[in-house]
Amino acid sequence: MKASGHALVTGGGSGIGAAVAKTLVNDGLRVTLLGRTLAPLQRLAADHPGHMAAVQADVADADAVAMAFAQARANFGPITVLVNSAGQASSAPFLKTDATLWQQMLSVNLTGTFICTQAVLPDMLQAGWGRIINIASTAGLAGYAYVAAYCAAKHGVVGLTRALALELARKGITVNAVCPGYTETELLRDSIANVIAKTGRTEEAARAEFAAGNPQGRIVQPEEVADTVRWLCSAAAASINGQSIAVCGGEIMN
């Protein structure tokens, strides 16, 4: 890893994005946090003065992203590491998945990855070095009932990762996806609350249901995902390109 580099992490205010940001800044990178809500980003950045900064944008808004990336460069210089961690997950039976829900899942999870990657590539091409890491999901590697839109979007992220990895292979830039299983984040807690509300199960029973899909019988921790990202950013991972690395205790085996 280039200890003097500049990493931008989308969805950096909480969950996996926040864990990734803290891991990278602890390794010596300057880190820009990007998200739709500024306050949590600023709180995290305040814990790392001079090494972490916050910018605001909806990743699906190309103009807002361009402005945010320009601000990030003004703070810390060219961006050579991009972690696309912003995402949303909503569930519904397929016949109740309306066009609004479908488009929302594609916009945040897939189009946002496309927009942010296009915004950062000139810096990496100029430097002749870069790391693009897309936080996908095991839903990008397998199908799950009642989340068709989310699965479609995350499969799209995996496909984009593979195509771009080949396009940039001779440019010193690697592109990989990290695909966590159920991870201890706000998204999971919202899902657990939804199960409790709909079924009347206890929190313990609802949590156990999510953990059961992992052969290890547990929920993945954000720091485990962050450590995978950290490795992919390192010089030791220079030959890892176009891969979708499942962090899920063996639920998915590539």
Protein backbone atom coordinates (compact mmCIF):
# COMPACT_ATOMS: atom_id res chain seq x y z
CA MET A 1 0.00 0.00 0.00
CA LYS A 2 1.18 3.53 -0.69
CA ALA A 3 1.30 5.05 2.78
CA SER A 4 1.14 8.57 1.37
CA GLY A 5 -1.90 7.86 -0.81
CA HIS A 6 -5.37 9.33 -0.77
CA ALA A 7 -8.36 7.00 -0.44
CA LEU A 8 -11.99 7.97 -0.93
CA VAL A 9 -14.62 5.80 0.75
CA THR A 10 -18.26 6.18 -0.20
CA GLY A 11 -20.85 5.36 2.43
CA GLY A 12 -18.07 6.14 4.87
CA GLY A 13 -20.14 7.33 7.81
CA SER A 14 -21.16 3.97 9.23
CA GLY A 15 -20.94 0.21 8.96
CA ILE A 16 -18.47 -1.30 6.52
CA GLY A 17 -17.52 2.07 5.03
CA ALA A 18 -16.55 3.50 8.42
CA ALA A 19 -14.58 0.37 9.31
CA VAL A 20 -12.72 0.56 5.99
CA ALA A 21 -11.96 4.25 6.48
CA LYS A 22 -10.52 3.70 9.96
CA THR A 23 -8.42 0.77 8.77
CA LEU A 24 -6.95 2.72 5.86
CA VAL A 25 -6.20 5.84 7.86
CA ASN A 26 -4.47 3.70 10.49
CA ASP A 27 -2.26 2.40 7.68
CA GLY A 28 -1.14 5.92 6.87
CA LEU A 29 -3.47 6.93 4.05
CA ARG A 30 -5.37 10.19 3.97
CA VAL A 31 -9.02 9.30 3.72
CA THR A 32 -12.00 11.23 2.38
CA LEU A 33 -15.40 10.08 3.59
CA LEU A 34 -18.30 10.61 1.19
CA GLY A 35 -21.99 10.23 1.99
CA ARG A 36 -25.40 11.81 1.68
CA THR A 37 -25.54 12.94 5.33
CA LEU A 38 -22.63 15.08 6.45
CA ALA A 39 -22.92 14.90 10.26
CA PRO A 40 -21.79 11.26 10.81
CA LEU A 41 -18.96 11.75 8.34
CA GLN A 42 -17.77 14.83 10.20
CA ARG A 43 -17.93 13.06 13.55
CA LEU A 44 -15.69 10.26 12.27
CA ALA A 45 -13.32 12.67 10.52
CA ALA A 46 -12.97 14.69 13.72
CA ASP A 47 -11.36 11.66 15.36
CA HIS A 48 -8.54 11.80 12.77
CA PRO A 49 -7.70 15.50 12.27
CA GLY A 50 -5.46 16.20 9.31
CA HIS A 51 -5.81 12.64 8.03
CA MET A 52 -9.54 12.31 7.35
CA ALA A 53 -12.07 14.69 5.82
CA ALA A 54 -15.76 14.60 4.90
CA VAL A 55 -17.56 15.56 1.70
CA GLN A 56 -21.25 15.29 0.90
CA ALA A 57 -22.89 13.81 -2.19
CA ASP A 58 -25.47 11.31 -3.35
CA VAL A 59 -23.41 8.78 -5.32
CA ALA A 60 -26.17 8.53 -7.93
CA ASP A 61 -25.91 12.29 -8.70
CA ALA A 62 -23.04 12.76 -11.15
CA ASP A 63 -22.83 16.54 -10.69
CA ALA A 64 -22.76 16.27 -6.90
CA VAL A 65 -20.11 13.54 -7.10
CA ALA A 66 -17.93 15.67 -9.38
CA MET A 67 -18.09 18.58 -6.92
CA ALA A 68 -17.35 16.32 -3.94
CA PHE A 69 -14.38 14.69 -5.64
CA ALA A 70 -13.00 18.12 -6.54
CA GLN A 71 -13.26 19.13 -2.89
CA ALA A 72 -11.56 15.89 -1.85
CA ARG A 73 -8.65 16.58 -4.21
CA ALA A 74 -8.34 20.11 -2.85
CA ASN A 75 -7.98 18.66 0.64
CA PHE A 76 -5.64 15.73 0.06
CA GLY A 77 -4.55 15.64 -3.59
CA PRO A 78 -5.24 13.05 -6.31
CA ILE A 79 -7.26 9.99 -5.33
CA THR A 80 -5.53 6.65 -5.88
CA VAL A 81 -7.78 4.35 -3.85
CA LEU A 82 -11.57 4.21 -4.27
CA VAL A 83 -13.78 2.06 -2.08
CA ASN A 84 -17.36 2.00 -3.34
CA SER A 85 -19.16 1.12 -0.11
CA ALA A 86 -22.36 3.16 -0.40
CA GLY A 87 -25.40 0.92 -0.71
CA GLN A 88 -28.98 0.22 0.22
CA ALA A 89 -30.97 -2.98 0.60
CA SER A 90 -34.76 -3.22 0.46
CA SER A 91 -36.84 -6.37 0.30
CA ALA A 92 -40.17 -7.12 -1.36
CA PRO A 93 -41.78 -10.02 -3.22
CA PHE A 94 -41.05 -9.66 -6.91
CA LEU A 95 -44.66 -8.81 -7.86
CA LYS A 96 -44.60 -6.06 -5.23
CA THR A 97 -41.28 -4.67 -6.43
CA ASP A 98 -42.39 -1.52 -8.20
CA ALA A 99 -40.35 0.57 -10.62
CA THR A 100 -39.41 3.03 -7.88
CA LEU A 101 -37.87 0.36 -5.66
CA TRP A 102 -36.17 -1.27 -8.65
CA GLN A 103 -34.62 2.01 -9.77
CA GLN A 104 -33.55 2.95 -6.26
CA MET A 105 -31.62 -0.28 -5.83
CA LEU A 106 -29.92 0.14 -9.20
CA SER A 107 -29.17 3.84 -8.64
CA VAL A 108 -27.46 3.53 -5.27
CA ASN A 109 -25.78 0.15 -5.62
CA LEU A 110 -24.82 0.04 -9.30
CA THR A 111 -25.08 3.45 -10.94
CA GLY A 112 -23.37 5.08 -7.94
CA THR A 113 -20.43 2.69 -8.36
CA PHE A 114 -20.25 3.57 -12.06
CA ILE A 115 -20.36 7.33 -11.44
CA CYS A 116 -17.75 7.35 -8.67
CA THR A 117 -15.41 5.09 -10.64
CA GLN A 118 -15.58 7.33 -13.68
CA ALA A 119 -14.89 10.34 -11.47
CA VAL A 120 -11.73 8.84 -9.97
CA LEU A 121 -10.14 7.11 -12.96
CA PRO A 122 -8.31 10.16 -14.40
CA ASP A 123 -6.30 10.47 -11.16
CA MET A 124 -5.31 6.82 -11.23
CA LEU A 125 -4.43 6.83 -14.92
CA GLN A 126 -2.27 9.90 -14.38
CA ALA A 127 -0.51 8.22 -11.45
CA GLY A 128 -0.14 4.89 -13.24
CA TRP A 129 -1.39 3.20 -10.07
CA GLY A 130 -4.72 2.68 -8.41
CA ARG A 131 -7.01 0.43 -6.45
CA ILE A 132 -10.76 0.24 -7.00
CA ILE A 133 -12.61 -1.95 -4.51
CA ASN A 134 -16.36 -2.41 -4.83
CA ILE A 135 -18.25 -3.60 -1.77
CA ALA A 136 -20.75 -5.93 -3.37
CA SER A 137 -22.42 -8.76 -1.44
CA THR A 138 -22.96 -12.48 -1.50
CA ALA A 139 -26.16 -11.34 -3.24
CA GLY A 140 -23.89 -10.47 -6.17
CA LEU A 141 -22.79 -14.10 -6.37
CA ALA A 142 -26.03 -15.96 -5.61
CA GLY A 143 -29.77 -15.45 -5.65
CA TYR A 144 -31.87 -14.68 -2.59
CA ALA A 145 -35.66 -14.59 -2.43
CA TYR A 146 -37.47 -11.29 -1.91
CA VAL A 147 -34.51 -9.10 -2.85
CA ALA A 148 -34.57 -9.38 -6.65
CA ALA A 149 -33.71 -5.73 -7.24
CA TYR A 150 -30.84 -5.77 -4.77
CA CYS A 151 -29.49 -9.04 -6.21
CA ALA A 152 -29.69 -7.65 -9.74
CA ALA A 153 -27.81 -4.50 -8.72
CA LYS A 154 -25.06 -6.38 -6.88
CA HIS A 155 -24.66 -8.86 -9.75
CA GLY A 156 -24.22 -5.78 -11.91
CA VAL A 157 -21.45 -4.53 -9.62
CA VAL A 158 -19.63 -7.85 -9.97
CA GLY A 159 -19.97 -7.71 -13.76
CA LEU A 160 -18.71 -4.12 -13.85
CA THR A 161 -15.77 -5.15 -11.66
CA ARG A 162 -14.75 -7.91 -14.04
CA ALA A 163 -15.07 -5.83 -17.19
CA LEU A 164 -13.17 -2.86 -15.79
CA ALA A 165 -10.43 -5.09 -14.36
CA LEU A 166 -9.62 -6.29 -17.87
CA GLU A 167 -9.80 -2.81 -19.36
CA LEU A 168 -7.34 -1.40 -16.82
CA ALA A 169 -5.08 -4.43 -16.33
CA ARG A 170 -2.10 -2.82 -18.08
CA LYS A 171 -2.55 0.55 -16.41
CA GLY A 172 -1.29 -0.33 -12.92
CA ILE A 173 -4.87 -0.29 -11.62
CA THR A 174 -6.66 -3.27 -10.08
CA VAL A 175 -10.41 -3.61 -9.70
CA ASN A 176 -11.91 -6.11 -7.28
CA ALA A 177 -15.13 -6.74 -5.42
CA VAL A 178 -15.54 -7.76 -1.79
CA CYS A 179 -18.73 -9.70 -1.18
CA PRO A 180 -19.72 -9.89 2.48
CA GLY A 181 -22.43 -12.10 3.88
CA TYR A 182 -24.70 -10.74 6.60
CA THR A 183 -22.56 -8.19 8.42
CA GLU A 184 -23.04 -6.33 11.71
CA THR A 185 -24.20 -3.00 10.28
CA GLU A 186 -27.15 -0.64 10.47
CA LEU A 187 -28.60 -2.38 7.40
CA LEU A 188 -28.62 -5.71 9.22
CA ARG A 189 -30.11 -4.19 12.34
CA ASP A 190 -32.89 -2.69 10.22
CA SER A 191 -33.51 -6.12 8.66
CA ILE A 192 -33.67 -7.74 12.08
CA ALA A 193 -36.14 -5.10 13.26
CA ASN A 194 -38.25 -5.76 10.15
CA VAL A 195 -38.35 -9.50 10.90
CA ILE A 196 -39.35 -8.80 14.50
CA ALA A 197 -42.13 -6.45 13.38
CA LYS A 198 -43.52 -8.85 10.78
CA THR A 199 -43.19 -12.15 12.63
CA GLY A 200 -43.20 -11.30 16.31
CA ARG A 201 -39.96 -13.22 16.84
CA THR A 202 -37.52 -12.14 19.49
CA GLU A 203 -34.40 -10.26 18.50
CA GLU A 204 -32.31 -13.28 19.44
CA ALA A 205 -34.36 -15.56 17.20
CA ALA A 206 -34.28 -13.10 14.30
CA ARG A 207 -30.54 -12.65 14.62
CA ALA A 208 -30.04 -16.42 14.73
CA GLU A 209 -31.94 -16.75 11.46
CA PHE A 210 -29.52 -14.40 9.71
CA ALA A 211 -26.50 -16.11 11.26
CA ALA A 212 -27.73 -19.55 10.18
CA GLY A 213 -26.83 -18.89 6.54
CA ASN A 214 -23.16 -18.65 7.51
CA PRO A 215 -21.63 -22.13 8.00
CA GLN A 216 -19.70 -20.64 10.93
CA GLY A 217 -23.04 -19.76 12.51
CA ARG A 218 -22.22 -16.11 13.08
CA ILE A 219 -22.55 -12.61 11.72
CA VAL A 220 -19.56 -11.16 9.85
CA GLN A 221 -17.94 -8.16 11.54
CA PRO A 222 -17.24 -4.94 9.57
CA GLU A 223 -13.56 -5.07 10.54
CA GLU A 224 -13.20 -8.42 8.76
CA VAL A 225 -14.44 -6.84 5.54
CA ALA A 226 -12.16 -3.84 6.11
CA ASP A 227 -9.11 -6.09 6.50
CA THR A 228 -9.89 -7.69 3.14
CA VAL A 229 -10.05 -4.24 1.56
CA ARG A 230 -6.78 -3.31 3.25
CA TRP A 231 -5.05 -6.31 1.71
CA LEU A 232 -6.42 -5.55 -1.75
CA CYS A 233 -4.94 -2.05 -1.45
CA SER A 234 -1.47 -3.42 -0.71
CA ALA A 235 1.42 -4.11 -3.05
CA ALA A 236 1.15 -7.78 -2.08
CA ALA A 237 -2.21 -7.94 -3.89
CA ALA A 238 -0.92 -6.49 -7.17
CA SER A 239 -1.87 -9.65 -9.08
CA ILE A 240 -5.36 -9.86 -7.60
CA ASN A 241 -7.60 -8.38 -10.27
CA GLY A 242 -11.20 -8.87 -11.34
CA GLN A 243 -11.95 -11.06 -8.34
CA SER A 244 -15.06 -11.26 -6.17
CA ILE A 245 -13.90 -12.24 -2.71
CA ALA A 246 -16.63 -13.65 -0.51
CA VAL A 247 -16.33 -12.80 3.19
CA CYS A 248 -19.05 -15.06 4.54
CA GLY A 249 -17.66 -18.00 6.46
CA GLY A 250 -18.05 -20.37 3.51
CA GLU A 251 -21.66 -19.61 2.55
CA ILE A 252 -20.46 -18.94 -1.00
CA MET A 253 -17.44 -20.74 -2.47
CA ASN A 254 -16.06 -19.44 -5.76
